[in-house]
Amino acid sequence: GGGAVTAGGSLRLSCAASGIIFRPSFMGWY
């Protein structure tokens, strides 16, 4: 979902986890 945009615009990032996933205590963006 990253890319280039002009000021005032919008973007939506997605992050999909795969593998053995069980109740992550935290998910977020840096």
All heavy atoms as atom14 arrays in JSON, in Angstrom:
{
  "sequence": "GGGAVTAGGSLRLSCAASGIIFRPSFMGWY",
  "atom14_mask": [
    [1, 1, 1, 1, 0, 0, 0, 0, 0, 0, 0, 0, 0, 0],
    [1, 1, 1, 1, 0, 0, 0, 0, 0, 0, 0, 0, 0, 0],
    [1, 1, 1, 1, 0, 0, 0, 0, 0, 0, 0, 0, 0, 0],
    [1, 1, 1, 1, 1, 0, 0, 0, 0, 0, 0, 0, 0, 0],
    [1, 1, 1, 1, 1, 1, 1, 0, 0, 0, 0, 0, 0, 0],
    [1, 1, 1, 1, 1, 1, 1, 0, 0, 0, 0, 0, 0, 0],
    [1, 1, 1, 1, 1, 0, 0, 0, 0, 0, 0, 0, 0, 0],
    [1, 1, 1, 1, 0, 0, 0, 0, 0, 0, 0, 0, 0, 0],
    [1, 1, 1, 1, 0, 0, 0, 0, 0, 0, 0, 0, 0, 0],
    [1, 1, 1, 1, 1, 1, 0, 0, 0, 0, 0, 0, 0, 0],
    [1, 1, 1, 1, 1, 1, 1, 1, 0, 0, 0, 0, 0, 0],
    [1, 1, 1, 1, 1, 1, 1, 1, 1, 1, 1, 0, 0, 0],
    [1, 1, 1, 1, 1, 1, 1, 1, 0, 0, 0, 0, 0, 0],
    [1, 1, 1, 1, 1, 1, 0, 0, 0, 0, 0, 0, 0, 0],
    [1, 1, 1, 1, 1, 1, 0, 0, 0, 0, 0, 0, 0, 0],
    [1, 1, 1, 1, 1, 0, 0, 0, 0, 0, 0, 0, 0, 0],
    [1, 1, 1, 1, 1, 0, 0, 0, 0, 0, 0, 0, 0, 0],
    [1, 1, 1, 1, 1, 1, 0, 0, 0, 0, 0, 0, 0, 0],
    [1, 1, 1, 1, 0, 0, 0, 0, 0, 0, 0, 0, 0, 0],
    [1, 1, 1, 1, 1, 1, 1, 1, 0, 0, 0, 0, 0, 0],
    [1, 1, 1, 1, 1, 1, 1, 1, 0, 0, 0, 0, 0, 0],
    [1, 1, 1, 1, 1, 1, 1, 1, 1, 1, 1, 0, 0, 0],
    [1, 1, 1, 1, 1, 1, 1, 1, 1, 1, 1, 0, 0, 0],
    [1, 1, 1, 1, 1, 1, 1, 0, 0, 0, 0, 0, 0, 0],
    [1, 1, 1, 1, 1, 1, 0, 0, 0, 0, 0, 0, 0, 0],
    [1, 1, 1, 1, 1, 1, 1, 1, 1, 1, 1, 0, 0, 0],
    [1, 1, 1, 1, 1, 1, 1, 1, 0, 0, 0, 0, 0, 0],
    [1, 1, 1, 1, 0, 0, 0, 0, 0, 0, 0, 0, 0, 0],
    [1, 1, 1, 1, 1, 1, 1, 1, 1, 1, 1, 1, 1, 1],
    [1, 1, 1, 1, 1, 1, 1, 1, 1, 1, 1, 1, 0, 0]
  ],
  "atom14_positions": [
    [[0.78, -1.24, 0.0], [0.0, 0.0, 0.0], [0.81, 1.28, 0.0], [0.23, 2.37, -0.07], [0.0, 0.0, 0.0], [0.0, 0.0, 0.0], [0.0, 0.0, 0.0], [0.0, 0.0, 0.0], [0.0, 0.0, 0.0], [0.0, 0.0, 0.0], [0.0, 0.0, 0.0], [0.0, 0.0, 0.0], [0.0, 0.0, 0.0], [0.0, 0.0, 0.0]],
    [[2.11, 1.19, 0.09], [2.91, 2.4, 0.04], [2.92, 3.0, -1.35], [2.4, 2.43, -2.3], [0.0, 0.0, 0.0], [0.0, 0.0, 0.0], [0.0, 0.0, 0.0], [0.0, 0.0, 0.0], [0.0, 0.0, 0.0], [0.0, 0.0, 0.0], [0.0, 0.0, 0.0], [0.0, 0.0, 0.0], [0.0, 0.0, 0.0], [0.0, 0.0, 0.0]],
    [[3.51, 4.18, -1.46], [3.6, 4.83, -2.76], [3.84, 6.31, -2.62], [4.23, 6.8, -1.56], [0.0, 0.0, 0.0], [0.0, 0.0, 0.0], [0.0, 0.0, 0.0], [0.0, 0.0, 0.0], [0.0, 0.0, 0.0], [0.0, 0.0, 0.0], [0.0, 0.0, 0.0], [0.0, 0.0, 0.0], [0.0, 0.0, 0.0], [0.0, 0.0, 0.0]],
    [[3.6, 7.01, -3.73], [3.8, 8.45, -3.77], [2.45, 9.14, -3.88], [1.57, 8.69, -4.61], [4.68, 8.83, -4.96], [0.0, 0.0, 0.0], [0.0, 0.0, 0.0], [0.0, 0.0, 0.0], [0.0, 0.0, 0.0], [0.0, 0.0, 0.0], [0.0, 0.0, 0.0], [0.0, 0.0, 0.0], [0.0, 0.0, 0.0], [0.0, 0.0, 0.0]],
    [[2.32, 10.23, -3.15], [1.06, 10.98, -3.14], [1.37, 12.45, -2.9], [2.42, 12.79, -2.32], [0.12, 10.42, -2.04], [0.7, 10.64, -0.66], [-1.29, 10.97, -2.16], [0.0, 0.0, 0.0], [0.0, 0.0, 0.0], [0.0, 0.0, 0.0], [0.0, 0.0, 0.0], [0.0, 0.0, 0.0], [0.0, 0.0, 0.0], [0.0, 0.0, 0.0]],
    [[0.51, 13.32, -3.33], [0.7, 14.74, -3.06], [0.11, 15.09, -1.7], [-0.76, 14.37, -1.17], [0.03, 15.61, -4.14], [-1.34, 15.25, -4.24], [0.71, 15.41, -5.49], [0.0, 0.0, 0.0], [0.0, 0.0, 0.0], [0.0, 0.0, 0.0], [0.0, 0.0, 0.0], [0.0, 0.0, 0.0], [0.0, 0.0, 0.0], [0.0, 0.0, 0.0]],
    [[0.59, 16.16, -1.14], [0.12, 16.59, 0.18], [-1.4, 16.74, 0.19], [-1.99, 17.24, -0.77], [0.79, 17.91, 0.56], [0.0, 0.0, 0.0], [0.0, 0.0, 0.0], [0.0, 0.0, 0.0], [0.0, 0.0, 0.0], [0.0, 0.0, 0.0], [0.0, 0.0, 0.0], [0.0, 0.0, 0.0], [0.0, 0.0, 0.0], [0.0, 0.0, 0.0]],
    [[-1.99, 16.29, 1.28], [-3.44, 16.3, 1.4], [-4.1, 15.02, 0.96], [-5.29, 14.81, 1.22], [0.0, 0.0, 0.0], [0.0, 0.0, 0.0], [0.0, 0.0, 0.0], [0.0, 0.0, 0.0], [0.0, 0.0, 0.0], [0.0, 0.0, 0.0], [0.0, 0.0, 0.0], [0.0, 0.0, 0.0], [0.0, 0.0, 0.0], [0.0, 0.0, 0.0]],
    [[-3.33, 14.16, 0.32], [-3.87, 12.9, -0.16], [-3.92, 11.83, 0.91], [-3.6, 12.08, 2.09], [0.0, 0.0, 0.0], [0.0, 0.0, 0.0], [0.0, 0.0, 0.0], [0.0, 0.0, 0.0], [0.0, 0.0, 0.0], [0.0, 0.0, 0.0], [0.0, 0.0, 0.0], [0.0, 0.0, 0.0], [0.0, 0.0, 0.0], [0.0, 0.0, 0.0]],
    [[-4.32, 10.64, 0.5], [-4.49, 9.52, 1.41], [-3.82, 8.27, 0.87], [-3.69, 8.1, -0.35], [-5.98, 9.23, 1.62], [-6.65, 10.33, 2.18], [0.0, 0.0, 0.0], [0.0, 0.0, 0.0], [0.0, 0.0, 0.0], [0.0, 0.0, 0.0], [0.0, 0.0, 0.0], [0.0, 0.0, 0.0], [0.0, 0.0, 0.0], [0.0, 0.0, 0.0]],
    [[-3.42, 7.42, 1.8], [-2.92, 6.1, 1.48], [-3.4, 5.15, 2.57], [-3.61, 5.56, 3.71], [-1.4, 6.06, 1.41], [-0.7, 6.68, 0.2], [0.81, 6.69, 0.42], [-1.04, 5.9, -1.07], [0.0, 0.0, 0.0], [0.0, 0.0, 0.0], [0.0, 0.0, 0.0], [0.0, 0.0, 0.0], [0.0, 0.0, 0.0], [0.0, 0.0, 0.0]],
    [[-3.5, 3.89, 2.19], [-3.84, 2.86, 3.16], [-2.78, 1.76, 3.1], [-2.58, 1.15, 2.04], [-5.21, 2.27, 2.89], [-5.71, 1.32, 3.98], [-6.95, 0.59, 3.55], [-7.62, -0.09, 4.65], [-8.26, -1.25, 4.51], [-8.31, -1.84, 3.34], [-8.88, -1.79, 5.55], [0.0, 0.0, 0.0], [0.0, 0.0, 0.0], [0.0, 0.0, 0.0]],
    [[-2.13, 1.53, 4.23], [-1.13, 0.48, 4.31], [-1.76, -0.76, 4.92], [-2.62, -0.67, 5.8], [0.05, 0.93, 5.17], [0.76, 2.23, 4.77], [1.94, 2.47, 5.71], [1.2, 2.19, 3.34], [0.0, 0.0, 0.0], [0.0, 0.0, 0.0], [0.0, 0.0, 0.0], [0.0, 0.0, 0.0], [0.0, 0.0, 0.0], [0.0, 0.0, 0.0]],
    [[-1.3, -1.9, 4.46], [-1.73, -3.18, 5.02], [-0.51, -4.0, 5.38], [0.53, -3.9, 4.72], [-2.57, -3.96, 4.0], [-3.72, -3.25, 3.63], [0.0, 0.0, 0.0], [0.0, 0.0, 0.0], [0.0, 0.0, 0.0], [0.0, 0.0, 0.0], [0.0, 0.0, 0.0], [0.0, 0.0, 0.0], [0.0, 0.0, 0.0], [0.0, 0.0, 0.0]],
    [[-0.64, -4.8, 6.4], [0.43, -5.69, 6.82], [-0.19, -7.02, 7.22], [-0.94, -7.08, 8.21], [1.22, -5.09, 7.98], [2.45, -6.19, 8.68], [0.0, 0.0, 0.0], [0.0, 0.0, 0.0], [0.0, 0.0, 0.0], [0.0, 0.0, 0.0], [0.0, 0.0, 0.0], [0.0, 0.0, 0.0], [0.0, 0.0, 0.0], [0.0, 0.0, 0.0]],
    [[0.11, -8.04, 6.44], [-0.45, -9.36, 6.69], [0.61, -10.28, 7.29], [1.71, -10.39, 6.75], [-0.99, -9.94, 5.39], [0.0, 0.0, 0.0], [0.0, 0.0, 0.0], [0.0, 0.0, 0.0], [0.0, 0.0, 0.0], [0.0, 0.0, 0.0], [0.0, 0.0, 0.0], [0.0, 0.0, 0.0], [0.0, 0.0, 0.0], [0.0, 0.0, 0.0]],
    [[0.25, -10.91, 8.39], [1.15, -11.85, 9.05], [0.79, -13.27, 8.63], [-0.39, -13.62, 8.54], [1.05, -11.7, 10.56], [0.0, 0.0, 0.0], [0.0, 0.0, 0.0], [0.0, 0.0, 0.0], [0.0, 0.0, 0.0], [0.0, 0.0, 0.0], [0.0, 0.0, 0.0], [0.0, 0.0, 0.0], [0.0, 0.0, 0.0], [0.0, 0.0, 0.0]],
    [[1.82, -14.05, 8.39], [1.6, -15.46, 8.04], [2.49, -16.34, 8.9], [3.45, -15.88, 9.5], [1.9, -15.68, 6.55], [3.25, -15.41, 6.27], [0.0, 0.0, 0.0], [0.0, 0.0, 0.0], [0.0, 0.0, 0.0], [0.0, 0.0, 0.0], [0.0, 0.0, 0.0], [0.0, 0.0, 0.0], [0.0, 0.0, 0.0], [0.0, 0.0, 0.0]],
    [[2.14, -17.62, 8.92], [2.85, -18.55, 9.78], [1.96, -18.9, 10.97], [0.75, -18.77, 10.91], [0.0, 0.0, 0.0], [0.0, 0.0, 0.0], [0.0, 0.0, 0.0], [0.0, 0.0, 0.0], [0.0, 0.0, 0.0], [0.0, 0.0, 0.0], [0.0, 0.0, 0.0], [0.0, 0.0, 0.0], [0.0, 0.0, 0.0], [0.0, 0.0, 0.0]],
    [[2.59, -19.34, 12.03], [1.83, -19.68, 13.24], [1.6, -18.39, 14.02], [2.51, -17.83, 14.62], [2.58, -20.71, 14.09], [2.78, -22.0, 13.3], [1.8, -20.99, 15.38], [3.63, -23.04, 14.02], [0.0, 0.0, 0.0], [0.0, 0.0, 0.0], [0.0, 0.0, 0.0], [0.0, 0.0, 0.0], [0.0, 0.0, 0.0], [0.0, 0.0, 0.0]],
    [[0.35, -17.93, 13.99], [-0.02, -16.68, 14.64], [-1.05, -16.99, 15.72], [-2.06, -17.63, 15.45], [-0.62, -15.67, 13.64], [0.27, -15.51, 12.41], [-0.89, -14.33, 14.33], [1.63, -14.94, 12.71], [0.0, 0.0, 0.0], [0.0, 0.0, 0.0], [0.0, 0.0, 0.0], [0.0, 0.0, 0.0], [0.0, 0.0, 0.0], [0.0, 0.0, 0.0]],
    [[-0.79, -16.52, 16.94], [-1.73, -16.76, 18.03], [-1.79, -15.54, 18.92], [-0.87, -15.23, 19.66], [-1.31, -17.98, 18.85], [-2.29, -18.32, 19.94], [-3.51, -18.9, 19.65], [-1.99, -18.03, 21.28], [-4.42, -19.2, 20.65], [-2.89, -18.33, 22.29], [-4.11, -18.91, 21.97], [0.0, 0.0, 0.0], [0.0, 0.0, 0.0], [0.0, 0.0, 0.0]],
    [[-2.87, -14.82, 18.79], [-3.19, -13.69, 19.65], [-2.02, -12.73, 19.85], [-1.52, -12.58, 20.97], [-3.7, -14.17, 21.01], [-5.0, -14.93, 20.93], [-5.5, -15.33, 22.31], [-6.74, -16.07, 22.24], [-7.35, -16.6, 23.29], [-6.83, -16.46, 24.49], [-8.48, -17.26, 23.14], [0.0, 0.0, 0.0], [0.0, 0.0, 0.0], [0.0, 0.0, 0.0]],
    [[-1.57, -12.07, 18.81], [-0.5, -11.07, 18.99], [-0.91, -10.02, 20.01], [-2.04, -9.54, 19.99], [-0.35, -10.45, 17.6], [-0.89, -11.48, 16.66], [-2.01, -12.16, 17.42], [0.0, 0.0, 0.0], [0.0, 0.0, 0.0], [0.0, 0.0, 0.0], [0.0, 0.0, 0.0], [0.0, 0.0, 0.0], [0.0, 0.0, 0.0], [0.0, 0.0, 0.0]],
    [[-0.01, -9.68, 20.89], [-0.31, -8.69, 21.91], [-0.23, -7.28, 21.35], [-0.75, -6.34, 21.96], [0.63, -8.84, 23.1], [1.98, -8.68, 22.67], [0.0, 0.0, 0.0], [0.0, 0.0, 0.0], [0.0, 0.0, 0.0], [0.0, 0.0, 0.0], [0.0, 0.0, 0.0], [0.0, 0.0, 0.0], [0.0, 0.0, 0.0], [0.0, 0.0, 0.0]],
    [[0.43, -7.14, 20.21], [0.58, -5.82, 19.62], [0.77, -5.96, 18.12], [1.48, -6.86, 17.65], [1.8, -5.09, 20.22], [2.13, -3.78, 19.54], [1.54, -2.6, 19.96], [3.01, -3.74, 18.47], [1.82, -1.4, 19.34], [3.31, -2.54, 17.84], [2.7, -1.37, 18.27], [0.0, 0.0, 0.0], [0.0, 0.0, 0.0], [0.0, 0.0, 0.0]],
    [[0.13, -5.07, 17.39], [0.4, -4.91, 15.97], [0.39, -3.42, 15.68], [-0.49, -2.7, 16.18], [-0.65, -5.63, 15.1], [-0.66, -7.13, 15.28], [-1.74, -7.99, 14.1], [-0.71, -8.01, 12.62], [0.0, 0.0, 0.0], [0.0, 0.0, 0.0], [0.0, 0.0, 0.0], [0.0, 0.0, 0.0], [0.0, 0.0, 0.0], [0.0, 0.0, 0.0]],
    [[1.34, -2.97, 14.91], [1.38, -1.54, 14.66], [2.39, -1.14, 13.62], [2.99, -1.99, 12.96], [0.0, 0.0, 0.0], [0.0, 0.0, 0.0], [0.0, 0.0, 0.0], [0.0, 0.0, 0.0], [0.0, 0.0, 0.0], [0.0, 0.0, 0.0], [0.0, 0.0, 0.0], [0.0, 0.0, 0.0], [0.0, 0.0, 0.0], [0.0, 0.0, 0.0]],
    [[2.54, 0.15, 13.49], [3.37, 0.74, 12.45], [4.41, 1.69, 13.02], [4.09, 2.5, 13.89], [2.48, 1.51, 11.47], [1.54, 0.63, 10.73], [0.27, 0.27, 11.1], [1.8, -0.04, 9.49], [-0.27, -0.57, 10.18], [0.64, -0.78, 9.17], [2.88, -0.08, 8.62], [0.56, -1.56, 8.02], [2.79, -0.85, 7.47], [1.64, -1.57, 7.18]],
    [[5.59, 1.57, 12.51], [6.68, 2.49, 12.8], [7.11, 3.13, 11.5], [6.81, 2.63, 10.41], [7.87, 1.74, 13.42], [7.65, 1.3, 14.84], [6.78, 0.27, 15.15], [8.34, 1.92, 15.89], [6.58, -0.13, 16.46], [8.16, 1.52, 17.2], [7.29, 0.49, 17.47], [7.09, 0.1, 18.77], [0.0, 0.0, 0.0], [0.0, 0.0, 0.0]]
  ]
}
